[in-house]
């Protein structure tokens, strides 16, 4: 299923990066995105108390989306995902990267089937793909809510 041709350039670039690799290397690339996920600021030191739980994930994953103070019209995404869940953490890192390059309208409009376009279905379980879709759905909803 092709991604809409009007997808923002950063999304198309990420998808092209994944498409250029064999499936096993795609998983490695995704995990590398997780390695780049920044530490949480102090206000989110206790994710369970200060962030939204992503219940679609088996691991304890939490997120918060706020209007960006540095990028007018943008959002800041904060995600707590354990290192013991490298695929989920990797997708969180990928979303963090994308949200830093898109405005709130573009983030809220990200296609919910984006994980399907990464070409990981041969390398990871459907359960992990559903977790990625759940994380994305929560990011898009929280982004829309942060910019009402």
C-alpha atoms as a PDB file:
ATOM      1  CA  UNK A   1       0.000   0.000   0.000  1.00  0.00           C
ATOM      2  CA  UNK A   2       1.731   3.199  -1.130  1.00  0.00           C
ATOM      3  CA  UNK A   3       1.929   6.225   1.118  1.00  0.00           C
ATOM      4  CA  UNK A   4       0.016   9.252  -0.183  1.00  0.00           C
ATOM      5  CA  UNK A   5       2.159  11.282  -2.557  1.00  0.00           C
ATOM      6  CA  UNK A   6       1.464  14.413  -0.534  1.00  0.00           C
ATOM      7  CA  UNK A   7       3.298  13.004   2.508  1.00  0.00           C
ATOM      8  CA  UNK A   8       5.769  15.553   3.905  1.00  0.00           C
ATOM      9  CA  UNK A   9       9.344  15.288   2.671  1.00  0.00           C
ATOM     10  CA  UNK A  10      10.769  14.095   6.035  1.00  0.00           C
ATOM     11  CA  UNK A  11       8.296  11.180   6.014  1.00  0.00           C
ATOM     12  CA  UNK A  12       9.157  10.277   2.417  1.00  0.00           C
ATOM     13  CA  UNK A  13      12.881  10.457   3.260  1.00  0.00           C
ATOM     14  CA  UNK A  14      12.509   8.073   6.213  1.00  0.00           C
ATOM     15  CA  UNK A  15      10.484   5.621   4.133  1.00  0.00           C
ATOM     16  CA  UNK A  16      13.061   5.741   1.338  1.00  0.00           C
ATOM     17  CA  UNK A  17      15.793   5.067   3.894  1.00  0.00           C
ATOM     18  CA  UNK A  18      13.972   1.937   5.095  1.00  0.00           C
ATOM     19  CA  UNK A  19      13.048   0.798   1.567  1.00  0.00           C
ATOM     20  CA  UNK A  20      16.712   0.861   0.523  1.00  0.00           C
ATOM     21  CA  UNK A  21      17.591  -1.819   3.092  1.00  0.00           C
ATOM     22  CA  UNK A  22      16.892  -5.550   3.413  1.00  0.00           C
ATOM     23  CA  UNK A  23      14.351  -6.417   6.171  1.00  0.00           C
ATOM     24  CA  UNK A  24      16.905  -7.419   8.826  1.00  0.00           C
ATOM     25  CA  UNK A  25      18.817  -4.177   8.339  1.00  0.00           C
ATOM     26  CA  UNK A  26      15.549  -2.238   8.648  1.00  0.00           C
ATOM     27  CA  UNK A  27      15.177  -3.524  12.190  1.00  0.00           C
ATOM     28  CA  UNK A  28      18.735  -2.423  12.946  1.00  0.00           C
ATOM     29  CA  UNK A  29      17.980   1.028  11.538  1.00  0.00           C
ATOM     30  CA  UNK A  30      14.834   1.280  13.648  1.00  0.00           C
ATOM     31  CA  UNK A  31      16.806   0.352  16.776  1.00  0.00           C
ATOM     32  CA  UNK A  32      19.341   3.059  15.898  1.00  0.00           C
ATOM     33  CA  UNK A  33      16.523   5.613  15.965  1.00  0.00           C
ATOM     34  CA  UNK A  34      15.812   4.426  19.505  1.00  0.00           C
ATOM     35  CA  UNK A  35      19.432   5.012  20.461  1.00  0.00           C
ATOM     36  CA  UNK A  36      18.889   8.683  19.561  1.00  0.00           C
ATOM     37  CA  UNK A  37      15.783   9.113  21.729  1.00  0.00           C
ATOM     38  CA  UNK A  38      16.687  11.910  24.161  1.00  0.00           C
ATOM     39  CA  UNK A  39      16.436  11.675  27.918  1.00  0.00           C
ATOM     40  CA  UNK A  40      13.306  13.076  29.491  1.00  0.00           C
ATOM     41  CA  UNK A  41      13.315  16.521  31.079  1.00  0.00           C
ATOM     42  CA  UNK A  42      12.957  16.689  34.861  1.00  0.00           C
ATOM     43  CA  UNK A  43       9.218  17.418  34.707  1.00  0.00           C
ATOM     44  CA  UNK A  44       8.729  13.891  33.331  1.00  0.00           C
ATOM     45  CA  UNK A  45      11.028  12.176  35.842  1.00  0.00           C
ATOM     46  CA  UNK A  46       8.126   9.935  36.904  1.00  0.00           C
ATOM     47  CA  UNK A  47       6.555   8.967  33.559  1.00  0.00           C
ATOM     48  CA  UNK A  48       3.742   6.942  35.138  1.00  0.00           C
ATOM     49  CA  UNK A  49       2.566  10.033  37.028  1.00  0.00           C
ATOM     50  CA  UNK A  50       3.232  12.723  34.438  1.00  0.00           C
ATOM     51  CA  UNK A  51       2.738  11.160  31.006  1.00  0.00           C
ATOM     52  CA  UNK A  52       0.114   9.205  29.046  1.00  0.00           C
ATOM     53  CA  UNK A  53       0.520   5.422  29.097  1.00  0.00           C
ATOM     54  CA  UNK A  54       0.559   3.730  25.689  1.00  0.00           C
ATOM     55  CA  UNK A  55      -1.565   0.730  26.592  1.00  0.00           C
ATOM     56  CA  UNK A  56      -1.124  -0.877  23.166  1.00  0.00           C
ATOM     57  CA  UNK A  57       2.496  -1.595  24.136  1.00  0.00           C
ATOM     58  CA  UNK A  58       3.331  -4.554  26.367  1.00  0.00           C
ATOM     59  CA  UNK A  59       6.282  -2.648  27.803  1.00  0.00           C
ATOM     60  CA  UNK A  60       5.709   0.418  29.976  1.00  0.00           C
ATOM     61  CA  UNK A  61       5.751   3.162  27.338  1.00  0.00           C
ATOM     62  CA  UNK A  62       4.624   6.701  28.124  1.00  0.00           C
ATOM     63  CA  UNK A  63       4.358   9.850  26.041  1.00  0.00           C
ATOM     64  CA  UNK A  64       3.640  13.549  26.273  1.00  0.00           C
ATOM     65  CA  UNK A  65       3.124  16.048  23.464  1.00  0.00           C
ATOM     66  CA  UNK A  66       3.382  19.782  24.054  1.00  0.00           C
ATOM     67  CA  UNK A  67       3.284  22.858  21.864  1.00  0.00           C
ATOM     68  CA  UNK A  68       6.888  23.698  21.032  1.00  0.00           C
ATOM     69  CA  UNK A  69       8.363  26.788  22.644  1.00  0.00           C
ATOM     70  CA  UNK A  70      11.217  26.785  20.105  1.00  0.00           C
ATOM     71  CA  UNK A  71       9.292  26.095  16.897  1.00  0.00           C
ATOM     72  CA  UNK A  72       6.083  28.091  16.441  1.00  0.00           C
ATOM     73  CA  UNK A  73       3.428  25.732  15.094  1.00  0.00           C
ATOM     74  CA  UNK A  74       5.487  22.706  16.064  1.00  0.00           C
ATOM     75  CA  UNK A  75       5.222  20.164  18.834  1.00  0.00           C
ATOM     76  CA  UNK A  76       7.678  18.533  21.182  1.00  0.00           C
ATOM     77  CA  UNK A  77       7.320  14.801  21.718  1.00  0.00           C
ATOM     78  CA  UNK A  78       8.592  13.170  24.890  1.00  0.00           C
ATOM     79  CA  UNK A  79       8.631   9.380  25.138  1.00  0.00           C
ATOM     80  CA  UNK A  80       9.682   7.011  27.871  1.00  0.00           C
ATOM     81  CA  UNK A  81      10.366   3.584  26.363  1.00  0.00           C
ATOM     82  CA  UNK A  82      12.605   1.013  28.038  1.00  0.00           C
ATOM     83  CA  UNK A  83      15.800  -0.204  26.419  1.00  0.00           C
ATOM     84  CA  UNK A  84      14.432  -3.742  26.913  1.00  0.00           C
ATOM     85  CA  UNK A  85      11.867  -2.925  24.187  1.00  0.00           C
ATOM     86  CA  UNK A  86      14.253  -1.880  21.392  1.00  0.00           C
ATOM     87  CA  UNK A  87      11.738  -2.034  18.517  1.00  0.00           C
ATOM     88  CA  UNK A  88       9.174   0.097  20.316  1.00  0.00           C
ATOM     89  CA  UNK A  89      11.885   2.455  21.550  1.00  0.00           C
ATOM     90  CA  UNK A  90      13.169   2.653  17.973  1.00  0.00           C
ATOM     91  CA  UNK A  91       9.780   3.639  16.615  1.00  0.00           C
ATOM     92  CA  UNK A  92       9.468   6.217  19.403  1.00  0.00           C
ATOM     93  CA  UNK A  93      12.839   7.606  18.318  1.00  0.00           C
ATOM     94  CA  UNK A  94      11.693   7.716  14.703  1.00  0.00           C
ATOM     95  CA  UNK A  95       8.526   9.599  15.706  1.00  0.00           C
ATOM     96  CA  UNK A  96      10.607  11.981  17.810  1.00  0.00           C
ATOM     97  CA  UNK A  97      12.797  12.673  14.787  1.00  0.00           C
ATOM     98  CA  UNK A  98       9.790  13.278  12.525  1.00  0.00           C
ATOM     99  CA  UNK A  99       7.901  15.492  14.975  1.00  0.00           C
ATOM    100  CA  UNK A 100      10.980  17.686  15.206  1.00  0.00           C
ATOM    101  CA  UNK A 101      10.807  18.287  11.438  1.00  0.00           C
ATOM    102  CA  UNK A 102       7.055  18.688  10.969  1.00  0.00           C
ATOM    103  CA  UNK A 103       4.520  21.251  12.098  1.00  0.00           C
ATOM    104  CA  UNK A 104       1.629  20.221  14.326  1.00  0.00           C
ATOM    105  CA  UNK A 105      -0.821  19.967  11.434  1.00  0.00           C
ATOM    106  CA  UNK A 106       1.511  17.561   9.624  1.00  0.00           C
ATOM    107  CA  UNK A 107       2.090  15.482  12.766  1.00  0.00           C
ATOM    108  CA  UNK A 108      -1.643  15.244  13.467  1.00  0.00           C
ATOM    109  CA  UNK A 109      -2.173  14.117   9.854  1.00  0.00           C
ATOM    110  CA  UNK A 110       0.478  11.371   9.822  1.00  0.00           C
ATOM    111  CA  UNK A 111      -1.092   8.270   8.279  1.00  0.00           C
ATOM    112  CA  UNK A 112      -1.894   5.741  10.973  1.00  0.00           C
ATOM    113  CA  UNK A 113      -0.601   2.956   8.725  1.00  0.00           C
ATOM    114  CA  UNK A 114       2.885   4.513   8.662  1.00  0.00           C
ATOM    115  CA  UNK A 115       4.415   1.489  10.471  1.00  0.00           C
ATOM    116  CA  UNK A 116       3.185  -0.739   7.631  1.00  0.00           C
ATOM    117  CA  UNK A 117       5.219   1.317   5.150  1.00  0.00           C
ATOM    118  CA  UNK A 118       8.524   0.677   6.945  1.00  0.00           C
ATOM    119  CA  UNK A 119       8.731  -2.837   5.494  1.00  0.00           C
ATOM    120  CA  UNK A 120       9.219  -4.517   8.863  1.00  0.00           C
ATOM    121  CA  UNK A 121       6.382  -7.050   8.651  1.00  0.00           C
ATOM    122  CA  UNK A 122       8.756  -9.866   7.647  1.00  0.00           C
ATOM    123  CA  UNK A 123      11.104  -9.116  10.539  1.00  0.00           C
ATOM    124  CA  UNK A 124       8.924  -8.261  13.551  1.00  0.00           C
ATOM    125  CA  UNK A 125       5.733  -9.652  15.025  1.00  0.00           C
ATOM    126  CA  UNK A 126       2.241  -8.312  14.319  1.00  0.00           C
ATOM    127  CA  UNK A 127       2.005  -7.510  18.043  1.00  0.00           C
ATOM    128  CA  UNK A 128       4.919  -5.086  17.756  1.00  0.00           C
ATOM    129  CA  UNK A 129       3.437  -3.532  14.617  1.00  0.00           C
ATOM    130  CA  UNK A 130       0.173  -2.966  16.519  1.00  0.00           C
ATOM    131  CA  UNK A 131       2.119  -1.368  19.362  1.00  0.00           C
ATOM    132  CA  UNK A 132       3.789   0.970  16.868  1.00  0.00           C
ATOM    133  CA  UNK A 133       0.399   1.871  15.379  1.00  0.00           C
ATOM    134  CA  UNK A 134      -0.981   2.518  18.861  1.00  0.00           C
ATOM    135  CA  UNK A 135       1.935   4.786  19.713  1.00  0.00           C
ATOM    136  CA  UNK A 136       1.456   6.716  16.474  1.00  0.00           C
ATOM    137  CA  UNK A 137      -2.302   7.071  17.023  1.00  0.00           C
ATOM    138  CA  UNK A 138      -1.718   8.513  20.479  1.00  0.00           C
ATOM    139  CA  UNK A 139       0.899  10.945  19.149  1.00  0.00           C
ATOM    140  CA  UNK A 140      -1.439  12.214  16.425  1.00  0.00           C
ATOM    141  CA  UNK A 141      -4.350  12.597  18.881  1.00  0.00           C
ATOM    142  CA  UNK A 142      -2.207  14.324  21.504  1.00  0.00           C
ATOM    143  CA  UNK A 143      -0.800  16.650  18.840  1.00  0.00           C
ATOM    144  CA  UNK A 144      -4.267  17.635  17.690  1.00  0.00           C
ATOM    145  CA  UNK A 145      -5.276  18.252  21.320  1.00  0.00           C
ATOM    146  CA  UNK A 146      -2.152  20.320  22.043  1.00  0.00           C
ATOM    147  CA  UNK A 147      -2.996  22.666  19.166  1.00  0.00           C
ATOM    148  CA  UNK A 148      -6.705  23.251  19.734  1.00  0.00           C
END
